[in-house]
C-alpha atoms as a PDB file:
ATOM      1  CA  MET A   1      99.642 -26.485-197.682  1.00  0.00           C
ATOM      2  CA  SER A   2     100.522 -28.944-200.193  1.00  0.00           C
ATOM      3  CA  LYS A   3      98.652 -32.066-201.274  1.00  0.00           C
ATOM      4  CA  ASP A   4     101.739 -34.037-199.887  1.00  0.00           C
ATOM      5  CA  ASP A   5     101.260 -32.292-196.482  1.00  0.00           C
ATOM      6  CA  ASN A   6      97.478 -33.049-196.421  1.00  0.00           C
ATOM      7  CA  LEU A   7      98.113 -36.714-197.291  1.00  0.00           C
ATOM      8  CA  GLU A   8     100.760 -37.004-194.558  1.00  0.00           C
ATOM      9  CA  GLU A   9      98.412 -35.533-192.103  1.00  0.00           C
ATOM     10  CA  VAL A  10      95.598 -37.895-193.059  1.00  0.00           C
ATOM     11  CA  GLU A  11      97.744 -41.046-192.861  1.00  0.00           C
ATOM     12  CA  ALA A  12      99.017 -39.873-189.605  1.00  0.00           C
ATOM     13  CA  MET A  13      95.338 -39.508-188.180  1.00  0.00           C
ATOM     14  CA  GLU A  14      94.433 -42.949-189.688  1.00  0.00           C
ATOM     15  CA  LYS A  15      97.573 -44.561-188.087  1.00  0.00           C
ATOM     16  CA  GLU A  16      96.625 -42.844-184.768  1.00  0.00           C
ATOM     17  CA  GLU A  17      93.053 -44.207-185.021  1.00  0.00           C
ATOM     18  CA  ALA A  18      94.030 -47.709-186.041  1.00  0.00           C
ATOM     19  CA  GLU A  19      96.574 -47.618-182.887  1.00  0.00           C
ATOM     20  CA  ARG A  20      93.592 -46.497-180.439  1.00  0.00           C
ATOM     21  CA  LYS A  21      91.344 -49.333-181.741  1.00  0.00           C
ATOM     22  CA  ARG A  22      94.193 -51.921-181.635  1.00  0.00           C
ATOM     23  CA  GLU A  23      94.617 -50.849-177.792  1.00  0.00           C
ATOM     24  CA  LYS A  24      91.016 -51.554-177.053  1.00  0.00           C
ATOM     25  CA  ARG A  25      91.261 -55.111-178.589  1.00  0.00           C
ATOM     26  CA  ILE A  26      91.188 -57.967-176.359  1.00  0.00           C
ATOM     27  CA  THR A  27      94.500 -59.706-176.609  1.00  0.00           C
ATOM     28  CA  LYS A  28      94.143 -62.805-174.659  1.00  0.00           C
ATOM     29  CA  TYR A  29      91.742 -65.366-175.971  1.00  0.00           C
ATOM     30  CA  GLU A  30      88.999 -66.713-173.757  1.00  0.00           C
ATOM     31  CA  ARG A  31      86.074 -68.912-174.808  1.00  0.00           C
ATOM     32  CA  ARG A  32      83.158 -66.697-174.377  1.00  0.00           C
ATOM     33  CA  LEU A  33      79.773 -68.287-173.559  1.00  0.00           C
ATOM     34  CA  LYS A  34      76.818 -66.334-174.268  1.00  0.00           C
ATOM     35  CA  SER A  35      75.085 -67.411-170.996  1.00  0.00           C
ATOM     36  CA  VAL A  36      77.986 -65.845-168.943  1.00  0.00           C
ATOM     37  CA  ILE A  37      78.149 -62.068-168.700  1.00  0.00           C
ATOM     38  CA  PRO A  38      81.862 -61.048-169.649  1.00  0.00           C
ATOM     39  CA  GLN A  39      83.712 -59.776-166.626  1.00  0.00           C
ATOM     40  CA  GLU A  40      84.532 -56.499-168.355  1.00  0.00           C
ATOM     41  CA  ILE A  41      80.751 -55.662-168.521  1.00  0.00           C
ATOM     42  CA  ILE A  42      80.190 -56.443-164.904  1.00  0.00           C
ATOM     43  CA  ASN A  43      83.218 -54.294-163.834  1.00  0.00           C
ATOM     44  CA  HIS A  44      82.003 -51.488-166.025  1.00  0.00           C
ATOM     45  CA  PHE A  45      78.580 -51.301-164.561  1.00  0.00           C
ATOM     46  CA  GLU A  46      79.777 -51.885-160.869  1.00  0.00           C
ATOM     47  CA  GLU A  47      81.914 -48.738-161.219  1.00  0.00           C
ATOM     48  CA  GLN A  48      78.670 -46.787-161.774  1.00  0.00           C
ATOM     49  CA  GLY A  49      76.889 -48.466-158.898  1.00  0.00           C
ATOM     50  CA  TRP A  50      74.881 -51.200-160.960  1.00  0.00           C
ATOM     51  CA  GLY A  51      74.744 -54.900-160.887  1.00  0.00           C
ATOM     52  CA  VAL A  52      73.900 -56.891-163.950  1.00  0.00           C
ATOM     53  CA  ARG A  53      72.228 -60.079-164.621  1.00  0.00           C
ATOM     54  CA  TYR A  54      70.812 -62.086-167.327  1.00  0.00           C
ATOM     55  CA  LYS A  55      67.007 -62.660-166.899  1.00  0.00           C
ATOM     56  CA  VAL A  56      65.045 -65.144-169.056  1.00  0.00           C
ATOM     57  CA  TYR A  57      63.358 -63.772-171.912  1.00  0.00           C
ATOM     58  CA  ARG A  58      62.125 -66.655-174.059  1.00  0.00           C
ATOM     59  CA  LEU A  59      61.546 -70.274-173.221  1.00  0.00           C
ATOM     60  CA  ALA A  60      61.453 -72.535-176.440  1.00  0.00           C
ATOM     61  CA  ASN A  61      61.156 -69.400-178.573  1.00  0.00           C
ATOM     62  CA  VAL A  62      58.123 -68.127-176.648  1.00  0.00           C
ATOM     63  CA  GLU A  63      58.396 -64.841-175.384  1.00  0.00           C
ATOM     64  CA  GLN A  64      57.846 -64.589-171.488  1.00  0.00           C
ATOM     65  CA  SER A  65      56.274 -61.184-171.358  1.00  0.00           C
ATOM     66  CA  SER A  66      54.971 -61.682-167.838  1.00  0.00           C
ATOM     67  CA  SER A  67      58.288 -62.454-166.336  1.00  0.00           C
ATOM     68  CA  ILE A  68      59.894 -59.311-168.146  1.00  0.00           C
ATOM     69  CA  SER A  69      57.025 -57.120-166.763  1.00  0.00           C
ATOM     70  CA  GLU A  70      57.538 -58.642-163.167  1.00  0.00           C
ATOM     71  CA  PHE A  71      61.217 -57.848-163.394  1.00  0.00           C
ATOM     72  CA  LEU A  72      60.461 -54.221-164.614  1.00  0.00           C
ATOM     73  CA  ARG A  73      57.958 -53.824-161.668  1.00  0.00           C
ATOM     74  CA  ASP A  74      60.721 -55.101-159.271  1.00  0.00           C
ATOM     75  CA  GLY A  75      62.908 -52.184-160.475  1.00  0.00           C
ATOM     76  CA  TRP A  76      64.979 -53.832-162.940  1.00  0.00           C
ATOM     77  CA  GLN A  77      65.910 -51.894-165.916  1.00  0.00           C
ATOM     78  CA  PHE A  78      67.115 -52.780-169.630  1.00  0.00           C
ATOM     79  CA  VAL A  79      70.614 -52.190-170.237  1.00  0.00           C
ATOM     80  CA  LYS A  80      70.818 -50.038-173.364  1.00  0.00           C
ATOM     81  CA  SER A  81      73.600 -50.714-176.116  1.00  0.00           C
ATOM     82  CA  ASN A  82      75.087 -47.309-175.546  1.00  0.00           C
ATOM     83  CA  GLU A  83      75.853 -48.108-171.997  1.00  0.00           C
ATOM     84  CA  LEU A  84      78.082 -50.911-172.781  1.00  0.00           C
ATOM     85  CA  PRO A  85      81.773 -50.717-173.427  1.00  0.00           C
ATOM     86  CA  GLU A  86      82.670 -50.114-177.099  1.00  0.00           C
ATOM     87  CA  GLN A  87      84.007 -53.617-177.836  1.00  0.00           C
ATOM     88  CA  PHE A  88      80.579 -55.220-176.607  1.00  0.00           C
ATOM     89  CA  ARG A  89      78.102 -53.318-178.710  1.00  0.00           C
ATOM     90  CA  ASP A  90      77.992 -56.031-181.452  1.00  0.00           C
ATOM     91  CA  TYR A  91      77.770 -58.743-178.700  1.00  0.00           C
ATOM     92  CA  TYR A  92      74.171 -58.770-178.355  1.00  0.00           C
ATOM     93  CA  GLU A  93      71.017 -58.748-180.584  1.00  0.00           C
ATOM     94  CA  VAL A  94      68.908 -55.613-179.970  1.00  0.00           C
ATOM     95  CA  GLU A  95      65.013 -56.152-179.842  1.00  0.00           C
ATOM     96  CA  GLU A  96      62.248 -54.002-178.462  1.00  0.00           C
ATOM     97  CA  PHE A  97      59.908 -55.034-175.748  1.00  0.00           C
ATOM     98  CA  ARG A  98      56.225 -53.823-176.425  1.00  0.00           C
ATOM     99  CA  GLY A  99      57.918 -50.902-178.400  1.00  0.00           C
ATOM    100  CA  ARG A 100      58.952 -49.137-175.160  1.00  0.00           C
ATOM    101  CA  SER A 101      62.700 -49.590-175.077  1.00  0.00           C
ATOM    102  CA  GLU A 102      65.596 -51.773-176.507  1.00  0.00           C
ATOM    103  CA  MET A 103      66.783 -55.126-174.990  1.00  0.00           C
ATOM    104  CA  LEU A 104      70.177 -56.717-175.312  1.00  0.00           C
ATOM    105  CA  ILE A 105      69.471 -60.364-175.979  1.00  0.00           C
ATOM    106  CA  ALA A 106      71.948 -63.271-175.680  1.00  0.00           C
ATOM    107  CA  HIS A 107      70.204 -66.485-176.950  1.00  0.00           C
ATOM    108  CA  ASP A 108      67.031 -66.409-174.819  1.00  0.00           C
ATOM    109  CA  LEU A 109      68.483 -64.208-172.152  1.00  0.00           C
ATOM    110  CA  VAL A 110      68.060 -60.342-171.599  1.00  0.00           C
ATOM    111  CA  LEU A 111      70.885 -58.193-169.817  1.00  0.00           C
ATOM    112  CA  MET A 112      69.081 -56.082-167.019  1.00  0.00           C
ATOM    113  CA  LYS A 113      70.632 -53.889-164.584  1.00  0.00           C
ATOM    114  CA  HIS A 114      69.624 -53.192-160.832  1.00  0.00           C
ATOM    115  CA  THR A 115      71.439 -51.098-158.056  1.00  0.00           C
ATOM    116  CA  LEU A 116      74.198 -52.851-156.072  1.00  0.00           C
ATOM    117  CA  GLU A 117      72.391 -52.343-152.826  1.00  0.00           C
ATOM    118  CA  TYR A 118      69.161 -54.195-154.067  1.00  0.00           C
ATOM    119  CA  LEU A 119      71.426 -56.988-155.305  1.00  0.00           C
ATOM    120  CA  GLU A 120      73.198 -57.242-152.026  1.00  0.00           C
ATOM    121  CA  SER A 121      69.955 -57.339-149.974  1.00  0.00           C
ATOM    122  CA  GLU A 122      68.503 -60.073-152.380  1.00  0.00           C
ATOM    123  CA  LYS A 123      71.783 -62.058-151.992  1.00  0.00           C
ATOM    124  CA  GLN A 124      71.139 -61.699-147.991  1.00  0.00           C
ATOM    125  CA  TYR A 125      67.585 -62.650-148.427  1.00  0.00           C
ATOM    126  CA  TYR A 126      68.401 -66.051-150.181  1.00  0.00           C
ATOM    127  CA  ALA A 127      71.299 -66.727-147.737  1.00  0.00           C
ATOM    128  CA  ASP A 128      69.001 -66.301-144.803  1.00  0.00           C
ATOM    129  CA  LEU A 129      66.499 -68.415-146.675  1.00  0.00           C
ATOM    130  CA  ALA A 130      68.943 -71.292-147.219  1.00  0.00           C
ATOM    131  CA  LYS A 131      70.138 -71.117-143.520  1.00  0.00           C
ATOM    132  CA  ARG A 132      66.646 -71.459-142.209  1.00  0.00           C
ATOM    133  CA  ASP A 133      66.163 -74.479-144.487  1.00  0.00           C
ATOM    134  CA  LEU A 134      69.211 -75.980-143.557  1.00  0.00           C
ATOM    135  CA  ASP A 135      68.700 -75.407-139.859  1.00  0.00           C
ATOM    136  CA  SER A 136      65.318 -77.052-140.197  1.00  0.00           C
ATOM    137  CA  VAL A 137      66.882 -80.018-141.895  1.00  0.00           C
ATOM    138  CA  ASN A 138      69.568 -80.377-139.247  1.00  0.00           C
ATOM    139  CA  LEU A 139      66.984 -80.269-136.469  1.00  0.00           C
ATOM    140  CA  ASN A 140      65.041 -83.011-138.088  1.00  0.00           C
ATOM    141  CA  VAL A 141      68.174 -85.261-138.541  1.00  0.00           C
ATOM    142  CA  MET A 142      69.360 -84.424-135.153  1.00  0.00           C
ATOM    143  CA  GLN A 143      65.830 -85.568-133.596  1.00  0.00           C
ATOM    144  CA  LYS A 144      65.889 -88.752-135.854  1.00  0.00           C
ATOM    145  CA  LYS A 145      69.395 -89.707-134.629  1.00  0.00           C
ATOM    146  CA  GLY A 146      68.493 -89.070-130.959  1.00  0.00           C
ATOM    147  CA  PHE A 147      70.733 -85.960-130.316  1.00  0.00           C
ATOM    148  CA  ILE A 148      67.535 -83.967-129.638  1.00  0.00           C
ATOM    149  CA  THR A 149      64.365 -85.304-127.806  1.00  0.00           C
ATOM    150  CA  ASP A 150      61.123 -83.672-127.165  1.00  0.00           C
ATOM    151  CA  GLY A 151      60.900 -85.183-123.774  1.00  0.00           C
ATOM    152  CA  SER A 152      58.285 -87.812-124.841  1.00  0.00           C
ATOM    153  CA  SER A 153      60.811 -90.505-125.723  1.00  0.00           C
ATOM    154  CA  SER A 154      61.641 -92.845-122.953  1.00  0.00           C
ATOM    155  CA  ARG A 155      64.882 -93.907-124.918  1.00  0.00           C
ATOM    156  CA  VAL A 156      67.907 -92.314-124.064  1.00  0.00           C
ATOM    157  CA  GLU A 157      71.064 -92.569-126.158  1.00  0.00           C
ATOM    158  CA  MET A 158      74.018 -93.542-123.954  1.00  0.00           C
ATOM    159  CA  SER A 159      76.543 -93.130-126.907  1.00  0.00           C
ATOM    160  CA  GLU A 160      77.017 -91.303-129.911  1.00  0.00           C
ATOM    161  CA  PRO A 161      74.324 -92.485-132.588  1.00  0.00           C
ATOM    162  CA  ASP A 162      75.447 -94.400-135.696  1.00  0.00           C
ATOM    163  CA  PHE A 163      74.909 -92.029-138.724  1.00  0.00           C
ATOM    164  CA  ALA A 164      75.132 -94.991-141.195  1.00  0.00           C
ATOM    165  CA  ASN A 165      71.620 -96.114-140.620  1.00  0.00           C
END
């Protein structure tokens, strides 16, 4: 092989590499807020059976280590930089938590993951809690407006109450 052949081969390989990198680039501009997890990261982890969330790491530049410890006890795990898609590896700052593992930080938030089953049960828990609270409020309002009585009231509404009061 001559020098020219080697040079052409190297140029071809460099061109191929540049083309591969160009394919991975994001072609559509989107304003990215650091407080919003990019959809590509969410999709990447959902394919693997994980859900990702931001958790508060610092408040007013004070580390909230008790909150992080609580998240870890609840089964949350730090997302490692090597788990991210290639184009997002420089998106986060990398810090250590008590020397145990790396954390990906976006401003004062840490990127953590948990199983999709856990996240679905958490979502259901809060939906049930909200429904219970709403039912309680509705019951209270209906009692005050005269739709529901406890039997001790002698006043009986003959028409639909006016909700403007």
